[in-house]
Amino acid sequence: MIISAHFDHIGTDLNGTIYNGALDNASGLSFMLEMSKCLTSLGKPNRSILFIGFNAEEFGCLGSSQFITKYKTYIKNSKVFNFDMIGSNNPIPLCIMGAKNDTTKTPFIKSISKICESKKIFFNYLFEDSSDHESFRKQNIDAITFCDNDMTRIHTPKDTYDHISLPAIERCYNVASNAIIKCTFKDNFIILYYKECFLISIIGILIFSLLYNRSTKNT
């Protein structure tokens, strides 16, 4: 399992203007780091998880390409969740991005779309070699990029944190965490169905309390 994002950006131009890169791609990198905290808190997974920040995505995915060249033997059966531009405050769908040769019927993409549908998430598809999923797909490794495909401010000084939407980030988290947990904790019933387990526990406690109160009244 690989969870990734790219961390390169323009920075400062010759005039000293700062390009913060909040959406592209501080949002994706921050998302990846927070996901690492979440998964660590759940205990030991059933499979290894790599958290990777790739460089030079803007120059042809050089970082991810080099990583695959070096480690392909070890990661050929991985599933890759890449995050690029997560959290736009414009009302746009969550984008499931595959490579240009993928389709809506590509198994990995289809499995993610089913999660979106089950959670009633507003989403669409994009099939382009325009983020680090490209490098993995060229080697036939399952990979997608989650993206809010909002091009209105990226690569400009206006791409600042005040245009980031927490509900949009949560939307992505609801889908991605579900898929990642299913892949990495597939044998742990409590983690996979913690909401259901919590609800059953609450119901059990209420029933026990009700029966206990009735028995004390009758004695």
C-alpha atoms as a PDB file:
ATOM      1  CA  MET A   1       0.000   0.000   0.000  1.00  0.00           C
ATOM      2  CA  ILE A   2       1.327   3.430  -0.960  1.00  0.00           C
ATOM      3  CA  ILE A   3      -0.194   6.726   0.163  1.00  0.00           C
ATOM      4  CA  SER A   4       1.392   9.661  -1.592  1.00  0.00           C
ATOM      5  CA  ALA A   5       1.351  13.321  -2.545  1.00  0.00           C
ATOM      6  CA  HIS A   6       3.800  15.692  -4.197  1.00  0.00           C
ATOM      7  CA  PHE A   7       5.436  18.560  -2.347  1.00  0.00           C
ATOM      8  CA  ASP A   8       7.126  20.652  -5.022  1.00  0.00           C
ATOM      9  CA  HIS A   9       5.817  24.099  -5.979  1.00  0.00           C
ATOM     10  CA  ILE A  10       6.842  27.409  -7.502  1.00  0.00           C
ATOM     11  CA  GLY A  11       7.791  29.065  -4.198  1.00  0.00           C
ATOM     12  CA  THR A  12       8.898  32.668  -4.784  1.00  0.00           C
ATOM     13  CA  ASP A  13       9.387  34.350  -8.140  1.00  0.00           C
ATOM     14  CA  LEU A  14      12.101  36.857  -9.106  1.00  0.00           C
ATOM     15  CA  ASN A  15       9.957  39.735  -7.835  1.00  0.00           C
ATOM     16  CA  GLY A  16       9.668  38.179  -4.389  1.00  0.00           C
ATOM     17  CA  THR A  17       6.006  37.214  -4.841  1.00  0.00           C
ATOM     18  CA  ILE A  18       5.102  34.188  -2.736  1.00  0.00           C
ATOM     19  CA  TYR A  19       3.184  31.313  -4.303  1.00  0.00           C
ATOM     20  CA  ASN A  20       1.796  29.484  -1.272  1.00  0.00           C
ATOM     21  CA  GLY A  21       0.457  26.491  -3.178  1.00  0.00           C
ATOM     22  CA  ALA A  22      -2.264  25.792  -0.624  1.00  0.00           C
ATOM     23  CA  LEU A  23      -4.478  23.700  -2.863  1.00  0.00           C
ATOM     24  CA  ASP A  24      -1.637  22.569  -5.128  1.00  0.00           C
ATOM     25  CA  ASN A  25      -0.342  20.792  -3.231  1.00  0.00           C
ATOM     26  CA  ALA A  26      -0.005  21.617   0.463  1.00  0.00           C
ATOM     27  CA  SER A  27      -3.520  20.203   0.786  1.00  0.00           C
ATOM     28  CA  GLY A  28      -2.548  16.794  -0.589  1.00  0.00           C
ATOM     29  CA  LEU A  29       0.633  16.546   1.431  1.00  0.00           C
ATOM     30  CA  SER A  30      -1.137  17.583   4.646  1.00  0.00           C
ATOM     31  CA  PHE A  31      -3.865  15.061   3.912  1.00  0.00           C
ATOM     32  CA  MET A  32      -1.263  12.311   3.546  1.00  0.00           C
ATOM     33  CA  LEU A  33       0.418  13.238   6.847  1.00  0.00           C
ATOM     34  CA  GLU A  34      -2.886  13.288   8.737  1.00  0.00           C
ATOM     35  CA  MET A  35      -3.850   9.958   7.186  1.00  0.00           C
ATOM     36  CA  SER A  36      -0.608   8.503   8.548  1.00  0.00           C
ATOM     37  CA  LYS A  37      -1.618   9.603  12.062  1.00  0.00           C
ATOM     38  CA  CYS A  38      -5.078   8.108  11.633  1.00  0.00           C
ATOM     39  CA  LEU A  39      -3.835   4.727  10.428  1.00  0.00           C
ATOM     40  CA  THR A  40      -1.109   4.575  13.086  1.00  0.00           C
ATOM     41  CA  SER A  41      -3.748   5.035  15.779  1.00  0.00           C
ATOM     42  CA  LEU A  42      -5.613   1.931  14.559  1.00  0.00           C
ATOM     43  CA  GLY A  43      -2.776  -0.447  15.354  1.00  0.00           C
ATOM     44  CA  LYS A  44      -0.728  -2.817  13.203  1.00  0.00           C
ATOM     45  CA  PRO A  45      -2.134  -3.262   9.678  1.00  0.00           C
ATOM     46  CA  ASN A  46      -2.239  -6.505   7.709  1.00  0.00           C
ATOM     47  CA  ARG A  47       0.042  -5.097   5.024  1.00  0.00           C
ATOM     48  CA  SER A  48       2.885  -2.585   4.889  1.00  0.00           C
ATOM     49  CA  ILE A  49       2.028   1.056   4.183  1.00  0.00           C
ATOM     50  CA  LEU A  50       4.449   3.532   2.620  1.00  0.00           C
ATOM     51  CA  PHE A  51       3.816   7.269   2.998  1.00  0.00           C
ATOM     52  CA  ILE A  52       5.744   9.131   0.318  1.00  0.00           C
ATOM     53  CA  GLY A  53       6.137  12.770  -0.707  1.00  0.00           C
ATOM     54  CA  PHE A  54       7.319  12.932  -4.307  1.00  0.00           C
ATOM     55  CA  ASN A  55       9.338  15.752  -5.809  1.00  0.00           C
ATOM     56  CA  ALA A  56       9.261  17.226  -9.335  1.00  0.00           C
ATOM     57  CA  GLU A  57       5.688  16.222 -10.162  1.00  0.00           C
ATOM     58  CA  GLU A  58       5.350  19.489 -12.054  1.00  0.00           C
ATOM     59  CA  PHE A  59       8.264  18.470 -14.325  1.00  0.00           C
ATOM     60  CA  GLY A  60       6.905  15.139 -15.504  1.00  0.00           C
ATOM     61  CA  CYS A  61       6.524  13.105 -12.296  1.00  0.00           C
ATOM     62  CA  LEU A  62      10.274  12.671 -12.007  1.00  0.00           C
ATOM     63  CA  GLY A  63      10.243  11.750  -8.324  1.00  0.00           C
ATOM     64  CA  SER A  64       7.654   8.987  -8.566  1.00  0.00           C
ATOM     65  CA  SER A  65       9.221   7.639 -11.774  1.00  0.00           C
ATOM     66  CA  GLN A  66      12.603   7.362 -10.088  1.00  0.00           C
ATOM     67  CA  PHE A  67      11.053   5.709  -7.041  1.00  0.00           C
ATOM     68  CA  ILE A  68       9.410   3.041  -9.194  1.00  0.00           C
ATOM     69  CA  THR A  69      12.593   2.444 -11.173  1.00  0.00           C
ATOM     70  CA  LYS A  70      14.396   1.640  -7.931  1.00  0.00           C
ATOM     71  CA  TYR A  71      11.716  -0.277  -6.042  1.00  0.00           C
ATOM     72  CA  LYS A  72       9.407  -1.822  -8.649  1.00  0.00           C
ATOM     73  CA  THR A  73      10.180  -5.381  -7.530  1.00  0.00           C
ATOM     74  CA  TYR A  74       8.912  -4.626  -4.029  1.00  0.00           C
ATOM     75  CA  ILE A  75       5.803  -2.596  -4.903  1.00  0.00           C
ATOM     76  CA  LYS A  76       4.427  -4.356  -7.998  1.00  0.00           C
ATOM     77  CA  ASN A  77       1.377  -5.646  -6.076  1.00  0.00           C
ATOM     78  CA  SER A  78       0.677  -2.374  -4.294  1.00  0.00           C
ATOM     79  CA  LYS A  79      -2.359  -0.173  -4.438  1.00  0.00           C
ATOM     80  CA  VAL A  80      -1.532   3.518  -4.664  1.00  0.00           C
ATOM     81  CA  PHE A  81      -3.676   6.321  -3.246  1.00  0.00           C
ATOM     82  CA  ASN A  82      -2.305   9.664  -4.405  1.00  0.00           C
ATOM     83  CA  PHE A  83      -3.641  13.049  -3.252  1.00  0.00           C
ATOM     84  CA  ASP A  84      -3.316  16.130  -5.426  1.00  0.00           C
ATOM     85  CA  MET A  85      -5.339  19.310  -4.810  1.00  0.00           C
ATOM     86  CA  ILE A  86      -7.787  18.259  -2.088  1.00  0.00           C
ATOM     87  CA  GLY A  87     -10.161  20.786  -0.541  1.00  0.00           C
ATOM     88  CA  SER A  88     -11.310  23.381  -3.074  1.00  0.00           C
ATOM     89  CA  ASN A  89     -13.981  25.727  -1.776  1.00  0.00           C
ATOM     90  CA  ASN A  90     -15.627  25.851  -5.202  1.00  0.00           C
ATOM     91  CA  PRO A  91     -18.702  23.606  -5.579  1.00  0.00           C
ATOM     92  CA  ILE A  92     -17.120  20.890  -7.706  1.00  0.00           C
ATOM     93  CA  PRO A  93     -17.220  17.086  -7.490  1.00  0.00           C
ATOM     94  CA  LEU A  94     -14.527  14.947  -5.961  1.00  0.00           C
ATOM     95  CA  CYS A  95     -12.507  13.660  -8.900  1.00  0.00           C
ATOM     96  CA  ILE A  96     -11.283  10.087  -9.183  1.00  0.00           C
ATOM     97  CA  MET A  97      -8.359  10.381 -11.560  1.00  0.00           C
ATOM     98  CA  GLY A  98      -6.991   7.436 -13.460  1.00  0.00           C
ATOM     99  CA  ALA A  99      -4.450   7.192 -16.263  1.00  0.00           C
ATOM    100  CA  LYS A 100      -5.395   7.912 -19.856  1.00  0.00           C
ATOM    101  CA  ASN A 101      -5.780   4.203 -20.639  1.00  0.00           C
ATOM    102  CA  ASP A 102      -8.045   3.552 -17.635  1.00  0.00           C
ATOM    103  CA  THR A 103     -11.848   3.577 -17.752  1.00  0.00           C
ATOM    104  CA  THR A 104     -14.735   3.562 -15.298  1.00  0.00           C
ATOM    105  CA  LYS A 105     -14.545  -0.240 -15.500  1.00  0.00           C
ATOM    106  CA  THR A 106     -10.926  -0.470 -14.356  1.00  0.00           C
ATOM    107  CA  PRO A 107     -11.325  -2.637 -11.212  1.00  0.00           C
ATOM    108  CA  PHE A 108      -9.515  -0.340  -8.766  1.00  0.00           C
ATOM    109  CA  ILE A 109     -11.361   2.737 -10.009  1.00  0.00           C
ATOM    110  CA  LYS A 110     -14.665   0.882  -9.982  1.00  0.00           C
ATOM    111  CA  SER A 111     -14.154  -0.128  -6.339  1.00  0.00           C
ATOM    112  CA  ILE A 112     -13.571   3.514  -5.331  1.00  0.00           C
ATOM    113  CA  SER A 113     -16.606   4.727  -7.274  1.00  0.00           C
ATOM    114  CA  LYS A 114     -18.777   2.207  -5.437  1.00  0.00           C
ATOM    115  CA  ILE A 115     -17.675   3.713  -2.123  1.00  0.00           C
ATOM    116  CA  CYS A 116     -18.577   7.187  -3.408  1.00  0.00           C
ATOM    117  CA  GLU A 117     -21.993   5.949  -4.485  1.00  0.00           C
ATOM    118  CA  SER A 118     -22.653   4.193  -1.176  1.00  0.00           C
ATOM    119  CA  LYS A 119     -21.798   7.365   0.731  1.00  0.00           C
ATOM    120  CA  LYS A 120     -23.707   9.592  -1.736  1.00  0.00           C
ATOM    121  CA  ILE A 121     -20.556  11.541  -2.556  1.00  0.00           C
ATOM    122  CA  PHE A 122     -20.728  13.966  -5.488  1.00  0.00           C
ATOM    123  CA  PHE A 123     -17.934  12.705  -7.767  1.00  0.00           C
ATOM    124  CA  ASN A 124     -16.754  12.352 -11.346  1.00  0.00           C
ATOM    125  CA  TYR A 125     -13.891  10.789 -13.298  1.00  0.00           C
ATOM    126  CA  LEU A 126     -10.831  12.116 -15.069  1.00  0.00           C
ATOM    127  CA  PHE A 127      -8.469   9.976 -17.119  1.00  0.00           C
ATOM    128  CA  GLU A 128      -5.232  11.849 -17.613  1.00  0.00           C
ATOM    129  CA  ASP A 129      -1.542  11.260 -17.062  1.00  0.00           C
ATOM    130  CA  SER A 130      -1.246  14.440 -15.034  1.00  0.00           C
ATOM    131  CA  SER A 131      -0.197  13.427 -11.527  1.00  0.00           C
ATOM    132  CA  ASP A 132       1.975  10.821  -9.825  1.00  0.00           C
ATOM    133  CA  HIS A 133      -0.493   7.987 -10.429  1.00  0.00           C
ATOM    134  CA  GLU A 134       0.806   8.101 -14.025  1.00  0.00           C
ATOM    135  CA  SER A 135       4.179   6.615 -13.089  1.00  0.00           C
ATOM    136  CA  PHE A 136       2.583   3.628 -11.379  1.00  0.00           C
ATOM    137  CA  ARG A 137      -0.006   2.946 -14.070  1.00  0.00           C
ATOM    138  CA  LYS A 138       2.719   2.825 -16.710  1.00  0.00           C
ATOM    139  CA  GLN A 139       4.099  -0.128 -14.740  1.00  0.00           C
ATOM    140  CA  ASN A 140       0.635  -1.722 -14.430  1.00  0.00           C
ATOM    141  CA  ILE A 141       0.405  -0.975 -10.700  1.00  0.00           C
ATOM    142  CA  ASP A 142      -3.053  -0.070  -9.361  1.00  0.00           C
ATOM    143  CA  ALA A 143      -3.085   3.674  -8.713  1.00  0.00           C
ATOM    144  CA  ILE A 144      -5.498   6.575  -8.550  1.00  0.00           C
ATOM    145  CA  THR A 145      -5.312  10.238  -7.639  1.00  0.00           C
ATOM    146  CA  PHE A 146      -7.984  11.960  -5.579  1.00  0.00           C
ATOM    147  CA  CYS A 147      -8.336  15.518  -6.801  1.00  0.00           C
ATOM    148  CA  ASP A 148     -10.593  18.568  -6.651  1.00  0.00           C
ATOM    149  CA  ASN A 149     -10.071  19.588 -10.251  1.00  0.00           C
ATOM    150  CA  ASP A 150     -10.148  23.354  -9.632  1.00  0.00           C
ATOM    151  CA  MET A 151      -7.697  25.234 -11.841  1.00  0.00           C
ATOM    152  CA  THR A 152      -8.858  28.768 -10.974  1.00  0.00           C
ATOM    153  CA  ARG A 153      -6.038  29.702  -8.563  1.00  0.00           C
ATOM    154  CA  ILE A 154      -3.277  27.115  -8.805  1.00  0.00           C
ATOM    155  CA  HIS A 155       0.191  28.338  -9.813  1.00  0.00           C
ATOM    156  CA  THR A 156      -0.824  31.881  -8.846  1.00  0.00           C
ATOM    157  CA  PRO A 157      -0.313  33.929  -5.643  1.00  0.00           C
ATOM    158  CA  LYS A 158      -4.065  33.499  -4.992  1.00  0.00           C
ATOM    159  CA  ASP A 159      -3.691  29.832  -4.087  1.00  0.00           C
ATOM    160  CA  THR A 160      -3.868  30.518  -0.341  1.00  0.00           C
ATOM    161  CA  TYR A 161      -5.191  28.617   2.670  1.00  0.00           C
ATOM    162  CA  ASP A 162      -8.305  30.788   3.029  1.00  0.00           C
ATOM    163  CA  HIS A 163      -9.670  29.172  -0.132  1.00  0.00           C
ATOM    164  CA  ILE A 164      -9.399  25.667   1.341  1.00  0.00           C
ATOM    165  CA  SER A 165     -12.664  23.978   2.335  1.00  0.00           C
ATOM    166  CA  LEU A 166     -12.685  21.622   5.315  1.00  0.00           C
ATOM    167  CA  PRO A 167     -15.949  19.945   4.197  1.00  0.00           C
ATOM    168  CA  ALA A 168     -14.311  19.157   0.851  1.00  0.00           C
ATOM    169  CA  ILE A 169     -11.344  17.605   2.644  1.00  0.00           C
ATOM    170  CA  GLU A 170     -13.688  15.580   4.849  1.00  0.00           C
ATOM    171  CA  ARG A 171     -15.509  14.403   1.733  1.00  0.00           C
ATOM    172  CA  CYS A 172     -12.280  12.986   0.362  1.00  0.00           C
ATOM    173  CA  TYR A 173     -11.381  11.485   3.736  1.00  0.00           C
ATOM    174  CA  ASN A 174     -14.724   9.658   3.966  1.00  0.00           C
ATOM    175  CA  VAL A 175     -14.000   7.896   0.695  1.00  0.00           C
ATOM    176  CA  ALA A 176     -10.229   7.400   0.901  1.00  0.00           C
ATOM    177  CA  SER A 177     -10.118   6.229   4.525  1.00  0.00           C
ATOM    178  CA  ASN A 178     -12.834   3.677   3.849  1.00  0.00           C
ATOM    179  CA  ALA A 179     -10.920   2.205   0.899  1.00  0.00           C
ATOM    180  CA  ILE A 180      -7.530   2.314   2.634  1.00  0.00           C
ATOM    181  CA  ILE A 181      -8.767   0.709   5.853  1.00  0.00           C
ATOM    182  CA  LYS A 182     -10.447  -2.084   3.911  1.00  0.00           C
ATOM    183  CA  CYS A 183      -7.168  -2.802   2.125  1.00  0.00           C
ATOM    184  CA  THR A 184      -4.922  -2.636   5.178  1.00  0.00           C
ATOM    185  CA  PHE A 185      -7.075  -3.963   8.053  1.00  0.00           C
ATOM    186  CA  LYS A 186      -9.123  -6.531   6.135  1.00  0.00           C
ATOM    187  CA  ASP A 187      -9.010  -9.147   8.930  1.00  0.00           C
ATOM    188  CA  ASN A 188      -9.871  -6.809  11.778  1.00  0.00           C
ATOM    189  CA  PHE A 189     -13.646  -6.872  12.155  1.00  0.00           C
ATOM    190  CA  ILE A 190     -13.820  -4.202  14.850  1.00  0.00           C
ATOM    191  CA  ILE A 191     -11.794  -1.658  12.847  1.00  0.00           C
ATOM    192  CA  LEU A 192     -13.655  -2.356   9.607  1.00  0.00           C
ATOM    193  CA  TYR A 193     -17.056  -2.059  11.247  1.00  0.00           C
ATOM    194  CA  TYR A 194     -16.320   0.176  14.208  1.00  0.00           C
ATOM    195  CA  LYS A 195     -19.425   2.309  13.641  1.00  0.00           C
ATOM    196  CA  GLU A 196     -21.667  -0.733  13.570  1.00  0.00           C
ATOM    197  CA  CYS A 197     -19.888  -2.200  16.616  1.00  0.00           C
ATOM    198  CA  PHE A 198     -20.324   1.074  18.479  1.00  0.00           C
ATOM    199  CA  LEU A 199     -24.027   1.210  17.628  1.00  0.00           C
ATOM    200  CA  ILE A 200     -24.578  -2.407  18.693  1.00  0.00           C
ATOM    201  CA  SER A 201     -22.747  -1.724  21.954  1.00  0.00           C
ATOM    202  CA  ILE A 202     -24.926   1.299  22.702  1.00  0.00           C
ATOM    203  CA  ILE A 203     -28.096  -0.661  21.962  1.00  0.00           C
ATOM    204  CA  GLY A 204     -26.855  -3.501  24.161  1.00  0.00           C
ATOM    205  CA  ILE A 205     -26.148  -1.127  27.039  1.00  0.00           C
ATOM    206  CA  LEU A 206     -29.583   0.487  26.720  1.00  0.00           C
ATOM    207  CA  ILE A 207     -31.332  -2.887  26.686  1.00  0.00           C
ATOM    208  CA  PHE A 208     -29.317  -4.076  29.690  1.00  0.00           C
ATOM    209  CA  SER A 209     -30.110  -0.859  31.583  1.00  0.00           C
ATOM    210  CA  LEU A 210     -33.807  -1.203  30.798  1.00  0.00           C
ATOM    211  CA  LEU A 211     -33.948  -4.828  31.941  1.00  0.00           C
ATOM    212  CA  TYR A 212     -31.915  -4.049  35.053  1.00  0.00           C
ATOM    213  CA  ASN A 213     -34.215  -1.170  36.040  1.00  0.00           C
ATOM    214  CA  ARG A 214     -37.266  -3.368  35.578  1.00  0.00           C
ATOM    215  CA  SER A 215     -35.783  -6.151  37.690  1.00  0.00           C
ATOM    216  CA  THR A 216     -34.896  -3.786  40.524  1.00  0.00           C
ATOM    217  CA  LYS A 217     -38.419  -2.385  40.517  1.00  0.00           C
ATOM    218  CA  ASN A 218     -39.904  -5.871  40.794  1.00  0.00           C
ATOM    219  CA  THR A 219     -37.727  -6.850  43.784  1.00  0.00           C
END
